Amino acid sequence: MPVRIVQVVPNISRGDAVSNNCLAIEGILKEAGYDAEIRSLILPDNKDLKKLVRPLSGLRRLKADDIMLYHMATALQTDLTRWGGRIIFQYHNITPPEFFQPYDHAVAEACRAGLSEMKSLRNTPEACWADSEFNKKDLTDAGYICPIHTVPILVPFEDYEQPADRQIIETCRDDHVNFLFVGRIVPNKAQEDVIRAFAWYQKNINGKCRLFLIGNTSLNVYRNRLQEYIELLDIRNVIMPGHIRFSEILAYYQAADVFLSMSRHEGFCVPLLEAMFFGIPIVARNTSAIPYTLGDAGLLLEDNNPAVAALAADRVLHDRKLKEEIIRRQDARLADFSHEKVKERILKELKDFE
C-alpha cells in the first residue's frame, strides 16, 4: 500500500501562493504514486476546487506511517495530533501584526493568533519545511528543535505561458517606462514606498512613466490611504486595477520594464520569480526573505530612500551591460526554482522522512 499523504490548509483558493503550492504538490504526489489528498478547514467557493479539496472535519484517523503535511500561514486552531500519523509543517511565514494594527484590528489579531499558535506548536512536527532561510530562522527563533529543511514553493511556471491580454500590452508598450510591483495591497508590502520612489522618478528623471500596482485587497482603508498619497504627491499614471483576470496579470508582466519592490516583509515572494520568468530586471529592498529568494540576482537596496530607488531603476533601464548582467543572473537563479528541481527536492525530503 502506498503511503498516504494528507495536505492540510486553513483555507484554499485560486491565485495565492500557498494554495497554488499546495495544489502543485498534490499533482506531483499523485504522479509519484502516493495516496494524496487535500483537506481544508474552510471549503473553497470555487466549483473546480471543491472537487479537489475535502473538509478537514471528515478526515479519518491516519495510520502510523501516514503523513500529514500542514501548510502554516495563519492560525488553524485545531489539534493536529488528534488524527495520528506523522506530521510535517511547511512554514510559509505569518506577517507580524504590527503592519496591520493601524488599518484593521481584526487582521492584526489574526496574525497575532497565528504567530502565537506557531510558537505553541514547536514540539508537534517531526520535521519542518521552510520556504526560505528567513522562514527557517523564524522557526528556530520560536524554539523548533526538529529537523528544518529549506524547501522552496513549487511554482507552476507553465501557467505563465497562457495567452496574455493583448489590449493591455498594446496600450502600454509605447514611449513610457513601465514600473511594476505585484503583491496584495497590504501594509507589509509597502506600496507607499514604491509610489514615493516612482514619484521621484517621474518628477526628476522622466515624466513619461507608469506604475502598475497589481494585487487584490480587502484592506480598503490602506488602499484609500495610498490613493490619497498619490494625490498628495501630485503624480499621474499610477494604476491599481484591483482584482483582475490572470490574462491581465500576464499582460502587465509582459509590458513592464522594471520590477520595483520596496516590501518590508516577505516569507518568499513569488512575484520575484515571476519577474525573472518574464525577463524583467528587479530592483528590490533588502528585507526579510527577498535576498534569499533573489540570491545573487537583481539589484538590492539597503534602505527605502526614494531617490536611491529611482536612480537605481533608471540605471538598470539605461546601462545595457548592467541590465544584461542582471537578467543573466536572474535566469540562472530562476533555474534553481524550476519545477523539476523543486519537485525532486520535495520527493527526496519525503523519501528521507519515510
Protein backbone atom coordinates (compact mmCIF):
# COMPACT_ATOMS: atom_id res chain seq x y z
CA MET A 1 0.00 0.00 0.00
CA PRO A 2 1.37 3.47 -0.89
CA VAL A 3 1.98 5.95 1.89
CA ARG A 4 -0.98 8.23 2.41
CA ILE A 5 -0.16 11.94 2.48
CA VAL A 6 -2.79 14.43 3.60
CA GLN A 7 -2.08 18.10 2.99
CA VAL A 8 -3.87 20.34 5.48
CA VAL A 9 -4.61 24.04 4.96
CA PRO A 10 -6.78 26.51 6.90
CA ASN A 11 -8.35 27.61 3.59
CA ILE A 12 -7.60 27.37 -0.09
CA SER A 13 -8.30 29.47 -3.18
CA ARG A 14 -7.03 30.06 -6.68
CA GLY A 15 -4.29 32.63 -7.04
CA ASP A 16 -2.49 32.89 -3.70
CA ALA A 17 0.98 31.39 -3.39
CA VAL A 18 0.25 28.95 -0.55
CA SER A 19 -2.81 27.49 -2.30
CA ASN A 20 -1.01 27.23 -5.64
CA ASN A 21 1.88 25.47 -3.91
CA CYS A 22 -0.47 23.04 -2.19
CA LEU A 23 -2.23 22.20 -5.46
CA ALA A 24 1.08 21.78 -7.30
CA ILE A 25 2.38 19.42 -4.59
CA GLU A 26 -0.83 17.39 -4.87
CA GLY A 27 -0.08 16.84 -8.55
CA ILE A 28 3.46 15.58 -8.04
CA LEU A 29 2.45 13.37 -5.11
CA LYS A 30 -0.16 11.56 -7.18
CA GLU A 31 2.25 11.33 -10.11
CA ALA A 32 4.80 9.72 -7.76
CA GLY A 33 2.26 7.12 -6.66
CA TYR A 34 1.33 8.47 -3.23
CA ASP A 35 -2.23 8.22 -1.93
CA ALA A 36 -2.64 12.00 -1.69
CA GLU A 37 -5.44 14.33 -0.73
CA ILE A 38 -6.05 17.91 0.42
CA ARG A 39 -8.11 18.79 3.50
CA SER A 40 -9.17 22.32 4.39
CA LEU A 41 -10.74 23.81 7.50
CA ILE A 42 -12.80 26.11 5.25
CA LEU A 43 -14.07 24.71 1.96
CA PRO A 44 -13.49 26.82 -1.17
CA ASP A 45 -16.30 28.52 -3.12
CA ASN A 46 -14.71 27.58 -6.45
CA LYS A 47 -16.52 24.60 -8.01
CA ASP A 48 -13.36 23.11 -9.51
CA LEU A 49 -11.52 23.34 -6.18
CA LYS A 50 -14.42 21.69 -4.37
CA LYS A 51 -13.69 18.57 -6.45
CA LEU A 52 -10.08 18.53 -5.21
CA VAL A 53 -10.47 19.63 -1.58
CA ARG A 54 -12.35 17.88 1.21
CA PRO A 55 -13.33 19.12 4.68
CA LEU A 56 -10.79 18.62 7.45
CA SER A 57 -13.63 17.68 9.80
CA GLY A 58 -14.26 14.49 7.81
CA LEU A 59 -10.68 13.22 7.93
CA ARG A 60 -10.42 9.67 9.22
CA ARG A 61 -7.63 8.66 11.59
CA LEU A 62 -4.26 8.24 9.90
CA LYS A 63 -2.15 5.10 10.13
CA ALA A 64 1.18 5.21 11.91
CA ASP A 65 3.16 5.63 8.66
CA ASP A 66 0.77 8.11 7.02
CA ILE A 67 1.95 11.71 6.72
CA MET A 68 0.15 14.96 7.42
CA LEU A 69 1.74 17.93 5.62
CA TYR A 70 0.40 21.07 7.28
CA HIS A 71 0.80 24.40 5.44
CA MET A 72 1.23 27.01 8.15
CA ALA A 73 0.41 30.57 7.11
CA THR A 74 -2.24 31.51 9.67
CA ALA A 75 -3.87 30.02 12.76
CA LEU A 76 -5.64 26.68 12.30
CA GLN A 77 -6.90 26.43 15.90
CA THR A 78 -7.23 22.66 15.63
CA ASP A 79 -5.28 19.90 17.37
CA LEU A 80 -3.41 18.23 14.50
CA THR A 81 -2.29 15.29 16.64
CA ARG A 82 -5.89 14.04 17.03
CA TRP A 83 -5.67 12.32 13.62
CA GLY A 84 -2.45 10.42 14.36
CA GLY A 85 0.17 9.76 11.70
CA ARG A 86 3.44 11.65 11.27
CA ILE A 87 3.41 15.44 10.93
CA ILE A 88 5.46 17.77 8.75
CA PHE A 89 4.97 21.53 8.77
CA GLN A 90 5.62 23.62 5.69
CA TYR A 91 6.03 27.12 7.09
CA HIS A 92 5.10 29.93 4.72
CA ASN A 93 5.53 32.75 7.27
CA ILE A 94 2.99 34.79 9.19
CA THR A 95 3.03 38.58 8.84
CA PRO A 96 3.78 40.47 12.08
CA PRO A 97 0.57 42.08 13.36
CA GLU A 98 2.19 45.50 13.73
CA PHE A 99 1.83 46.08 10.00
CA PHE A 100 -1.96 45.77 10.16
CA GLN A 101 -2.67 47.35 13.55
CA PRO A 102 -3.21 50.91 12.20
CA TYR A 103 -5.59 49.68 9.49
CA ASP A 104 -7.57 46.64 10.67
CA HIS A 105 -7.57 45.32 14.24
CA ALA A 106 -9.23 42.03 13.21
CA VAL A 107 -6.49 41.21 10.69
CA ALA A 108 -3.83 42.22 13.22
CA GLU A 109 -5.38 39.89 15.79
CA ALA A 110 -5.48 37.05 13.25
CA CYS A 111 -1.76 37.50 12.60
CA ARG A 112 -1.10 37.65 16.34
CA ALA A 113 -3.05 34.42 16.86
CA GLY A 114 -1.16 32.77 14.00
CA LEU A 115 2.23 33.65 15.46
CA SER A 116 1.15 32.54 18.93
CA GLU A 117 -0.03 29.20 17.55
CA MET A 118 3.17 28.77 15.52
CA LYS A 119 5.21 29.10 18.72
CA SER A 120 2.92 26.83 20.73
CA LEU A 121 3.21 24.02 18.16
CA ARG A 122 7.01 23.89 18.22
CA ASN A 123 7.01 20.33 19.64
CA THR A 124 4.32 18.96 17.30
CA PRO A 125 6.04 18.16 13.96
CA GLU A 126 8.72 15.56 13.33
CA ALA A 127 10.17 17.82 10.62
CA CYS A 128 9.59 21.23 9.08
CA TRP A 129 9.99 22.65 5.60
CA ALA A 130 10.64 26.39 5.37
CA ASP A 131 10.12 28.27 2.10
CA SER A 132 13.27 30.31 2.69
CA GLU A 133 16.19 30.66 5.07
CA PHE A 134 14.34 33.65 6.51
CA ASN A 135 11.39 31.42 7.40
CA LYS A 136 13.75 28.80 8.80
CA LYS A 137 15.14 31.42 11.18
CA ASP A 138 11.58 32.24 12.28
CA LEU A 139 11.11 28.61 13.32
CA THR A 140 14.44 28.29 15.12
CA ASP A 141 13.81 31.59 16.93
CA ALA A 142 10.43 30.18 18.02
CA GLY A 143 12.15 27.16 19.60
CA TYR A 144 11.62 24.45 16.97
CA ILE A 145 14.20 21.70 17.51
CA CYS A 146 13.05 19.19 14.87
CA PRO A 147 14.95 18.97 11.55
CA ILE A 148 14.15 22.07 9.46
CA HIS A 149 14.83 21.93 5.72
CA THR A 150 14.59 24.75 3.22
CA VAL A 151 12.08 23.67 0.56
CA PRO A 152 11.02 26.41 -1.86
CA ILE A 153 7.47 26.97 -3.05
CA LEU A 154 6.61 24.86 -6.08
CA VAL A 155 5.65 27.35 -8.80
CA PRO A 156 3.75 26.07 -11.86
CA PHE A 157 5.64 28.15 -14.44
CA GLU A 158 3.73 26.55 -17.33
CA ASP A 159 0.73 28.65 -16.24
CA TYR A 160 2.58 31.82 -17.29
CA GLU A 161 2.73 30.63 -20.89
CA GLN A 162 -1.01 31.19 -21.33
CA PRO A 163 -2.15 33.99 -23.71
CA ALA A 164 -1.95 37.48 -22.18
CA ASP A 165 -4.45 40.30 -22.65
CA ARG A 166 -3.41 41.87 -25.95
CA GLN A 167 -5.22 45.17 -25.37
CA ILE A 168 -3.22 45.94 -22.21
CA ILE A 169 0.06 45.06 -23.91
CA GLU A 170 -0.69 47.18 -26.97
CA THR A 171 -1.81 50.13 -24.83
CA CYS A 172 1.21 50.07 -22.53
CA ARG A 173 4.01 49.34 -24.98
CA ASP A 174 4.79 52.87 -26.10
CA ASP A 175 7.36 55.52 -25.20
CA HIS A 176 6.60 55.31 -21.46
CA VAL A 177 8.72 53.47 -18.90
CA ASN A 178 6.55 50.93 -17.08
CA PHE A 179 7.28 50.18 -13.41
CA LEU A 180 5.67 47.08 -11.90
CA PHE A 181 5.07 45.70 -8.43
CA VAL A 182 2.88 42.64 -7.84
CA GLY A 183 1.54 41.70 -4.43
CA ARG A 184 -1.52 42.11 -2.24
CA ILE A 185 -2.27 45.74 -1.44
CA VAL A 186 -1.34 45.45 2.23
CA PRO A 187 0.96 47.42 4.56
CA ASN A 188 3.83 44.91 4.80
CA LYS A 189 4.28 45.17 1.01
CA ALA A 190 4.90 48.93 1.46
CA GLN A 191 3.29 50.08 -1.76
CA GLU A 192 3.59 53.64 -0.41
CA ASP A 193 7.38 53.37 -0.71
CA VAL A 194 7.08 52.15 -4.31
CA ILE A 195 4.81 55.14 -5.03
CA ARG A 196 7.29 57.51 -3.37
CA ALA A 197 10.20 56.21 -5.46
CA PHE A 198 8.08 56.36 -8.62
CA ALA A 199 7.11 59.95 -7.81
CA TRP A 200 10.79 60.91 -7.50
CA TYR A 201 11.49 59.24 -10.84
CA GLN A 202 8.55 60.93 -12.56
CA LYS A 203 9.41 64.41 -11.25
CA ASN A 204 13.20 64.28 -11.53
CA ILE A 205 14.13 61.81 -14.27
CA ASN A 206 11.39 61.00 -16.75
CA GLY A 207 7.79 62.24 -16.81
CA LYS A 208 6.82 59.58 -19.34
CA CYS A 209 6.29 56.67 -16.97
CA ARG A 210 3.63 54.48 -15.41
CA LEU A 211 3.39 52.44 -12.24
CA PHE A 212 1.38 49.22 -12.15
CA LEU A 213 0.49 48.10 -8.62
CA ILE A 214 -1.09 44.72 -9.24
CA GLY A 215 -2.75 42.95 -6.34
CA ASN A 216 -6.01 42.25 -4.59
CA THR A 217 -7.07 43.93 -1.39
CA SER A 218 -9.78 43.63 1.18
CA LEU A 219 -8.00 46.28 3.22
CA ASN A 220 -9.81 49.28 1.78
CA VAL A 221 -8.51 51.68 4.44
CA TYR A 222 -4.94 51.07 3.29
CA ARG A 223 -5.81 51.29 -0.39
CA ASN A 224 -7.62 54.57 0.20
CA ARG A 225 -4.57 55.92 2.04
CA LEU A 226 -2.44 55.02 -0.97
CA GLN A 227 -4.84 56.85 -3.26
CA GLU A 228 -4.70 59.92 -1.01
CA TYR A 229 -0.89 59.72 -1.04
CA ILE A 230 -0.85 59.65 -4.85
CA GLU A 231 -2.99 62.79 -4.91
CA LEU A 232 -0.82 64.48 -2.28
CA LEU A 233 2.32 63.80 -4.32
CA ASP A 234 0.53 65.13 -7.41
CA ILE A 235 1.65 62.31 -9.70
CA ARG A 236 -0.10 60.59 -12.57
CA ASN A 237 -0.26 57.18 -14.23
CA VAL A 238 -0.42 55.04 -11.09
CA ILE A 239 -2.62 52.08 -11.99
CA MET A 240 -4.18 49.92 -9.25
CA PRO A 241 -6.69 47.69 -11.07
CA GLY A 242 -7.56 45.51 -8.06
CA HIS A 243 -8.95 42.05 -8.77
CA ILE A 244 -8.21 41.20 -12.42
CA ARG A 245 -8.12 38.17 -14.68
CA PHE A 246 -4.95 36.08 -14.92
CA SER A 247 -4.54 37.05 -18.59
CA GLU A 248 -4.40 40.69 -17.48
CA ILE A 249 -1.76 39.96 -14.84
CA LEU A 250 0.33 38.27 -17.53
CA ALA A 251 -0.10 41.34 -19.75
CA TYR A 252 1.20 43.72 -17.08
CA TYR A 253 4.25 41.50 -16.63
CA GLN A 254 4.87 41.48 -20.38
CA ALA A 255 4.51 45.26 -20.58
CA ALA A 256 6.82 46.02 -17.63
CA ASP A 257 10.32 47.49 -17.98
CA VAL A 258 11.44 47.19 -14.35
CA PHE A 259 10.13 45.40 -11.25
CA LEU A 260 10.43 47.57 -8.14
CA SER A 261 9.87 46.04 -4.69
CA MET A 262 10.13 48.09 -1.51
CA SER A 263 8.40 45.41 0.57
CA ARG A 264 9.22 45.29 4.28
CA HIS A 265 8.19 41.71 4.98
CA GLU A 266 8.09 38.64 2.72
CA GLY A 267 8.24 34.96 3.54
CA PHE A 268 9.31 34.05 -0.01
CA CYS A 269 7.88 36.50 -2.63
CA VAL A 270 6.75 34.51 -5.65
CA PRO A 271 6.40 37.68 -7.82
CA LEU A 272 10.21 37.91 -7.84
CA LEU A 273 10.29 34.55 -9.65
CA GLU A 274 7.53 35.71 -11.96
CA ALA A 275 9.54 38.83 -12.85
CA MET A 276 12.57 36.61 -13.55
CA PHE A 277 10.42 34.38 -15.75
CA PHE A 278 9.37 37.37 -17.87
CA GLY A 279 12.90 38.76 -18.09
CA ILE A 280 12.17 41.93 -16.09
CA PRO A 281 15.16 43.40 -14.22
CA ILE A 282 14.47 43.55 -10.47
CA VAL A 283 15.28 46.37 -8.07
CA ALA A 284 14.31 45.38 -4.52
CA ARG A 285 14.76 46.50 -0.95
CA ASN A 286 16.96 44.13 1.05
CA THR A 287 14.48 42.89 3.65
CA SER A 288 13.11 39.63 5.08
CA ALA A 289 13.19 36.74 2.55
CA ILE A 290 13.93 38.88 -0.51
CA PRO A 291 17.75 38.37 -0.54
CA TYR A 292 17.25 34.61 -0.04
CA THR A 293 14.88 34.38 -2.99
CA LEU A 294 16.98 36.61 -5.25
CA GLY A 295 20.31 35.02 -4.40
CA ASP A 296 22.94 36.93 -6.39
CA ALA A 297 20.33 38.20 -8.88
CA GLY A 298 18.57 41.56 -9.05
CA LEU A 299 19.75 44.83 -7.56
CA LEU A 300 19.33 45.11 -3.78
CA LEU A 301 18.73 48.40 -1.96
CA GLU A 302 19.80 48.80 1.67
CA ASP A 303 17.09 51.32 2.66
CA ASN A 304 13.86 52.87 1.39
CA ASN A 305 15.35 56.13 0.12
CA PRO A 306 13.10 57.08 -2.85
CA ALA A 307 15.86 58.91 -4.75
CA VAL A 308 18.21 55.92 -4.48
CA ALA A 309 15.47 53.56 -5.67
CA ALA A 310 14.54 55.82 -8.59
CA LEU A 311 18.15 56.31 -9.64
CA ALA A 312 18.84 52.57 -9.35
CA ALA A 313 15.87 51.80 -11.58
CA ASP A 314 16.99 54.41 -14.09
CA ARG A 315 20.50 52.97 -14.21
CA VAL A 316 19.14 49.45 -14.76
CA LEU A 317 16.98 50.77 -17.58
CA HIS A 318 19.79 52.61 -19.38
CA ASP A 319 23.01 50.76 -18.52
CA ARG A 320 22.82 47.99 -21.12
CA LYS A 321 25.67 45.91 -19.69
CA LEU A 322 24.28 46.09 -16.16
CA LYS A 323 20.80 45.15 -17.35
CA GLU A 324 22.13 42.20 -19.33
CA GLU A 325 24.14 41.01 -16.33
CA ILE A 326 21.11 41.29 -14.02
CA ILE A 327 18.94 39.35 -16.48
CA ARG A 328 21.65 36.69 -16.86
CA ARG A 329 21.91 36.25 -13.10
CA GLN A 330 18.12 36.20 -12.76
CA ASP A 331 17.84 33.48 -15.42
CA ALA A 332 20.45 31.41 -13.56
CA ARG A 333 18.68 31.93 -10.25
CA LEU A 334 15.29 31.05 -11.75
CA ALA A 335 16.71 27.66 -12.76
CA ASP A 336 17.12 26.88 -9.04
CA PHE A 337 13.33 27.08 -8.70
CA SER A 338 12.43 25.05 -11.79
CA HIS A 339 9.50 22.69 -11.42
CA GLU A 340 11.73 19.64 -11.82
CA LYS A 341 14.32 20.77 -9.23
CA VAL A 342 11.76 21.65 -6.56
CA LYS A 343 9.78 18.51 -7.36
CA GLU A 344 12.92 16.39 -6.85
CA ARG A 345 13.62 18.22 -3.59
CA ILE A 346 10.11 17.57 -2.23
CA LEU A 347 10.13 13.90 -3.18
CA LYS A 348 13.62 13.45 -1.70
CA GLU A 349 12.52 15.07 1.57
CA LEU A 350 9.54 12.73 1.74
CA LYS A 351 11.66 9.69 0.91
CA ASP A 352 14.20 10.58 3.59
CA PHE A 353 11.35 11.20 6.05
CA GLU A 354 9.82 7.78 5.40
